[in-house]
Amino acid sequence: MHQAVISLPLAVGLRTHLCAAGISTVFELRGKTPSFLAGAAGISLEEAQEALQAASQSSLTSEGHVAGSASALDLLAAQQPGFPGHIITFCAALDGILGGGVGRGPGPGVCGVSG
């Protein structure tokens, strides 16, 4: 998910011009020159520079995450060398089926009735 232009600290009119020109995310602003942006959005060169400056100072990555952020699991793995690649469930049969436990990172959810 990309950060929306409307989330930038810009004047409402400037954000409106950018959105009307089809520029709705910070990702779409990056790499543009002030003169190109001014012409494409029908704004002044100064407004284009302001928009590009705000986009460059955005702390979100193109995926919508805060730059330099890490999950709790990432931090734990960094603190404990040799941290296991799987999280055990304490059910030997299930851990065996899953190849040592539930894999870390994105994957299918497991749910069911307890007991």
Foldseek 3Di string as FASTA:
>chain_A
DFAFLVPFPDDPVLSVLCVVLVNTGLVSLPPDQLVVSCVSSVHDSVSSVVSVVRSVPDQADRVGHGPPDDDPVVVVCVVDPPPDQADAPPPVVVCVVCVRHHGPDDDDDDDDDDD
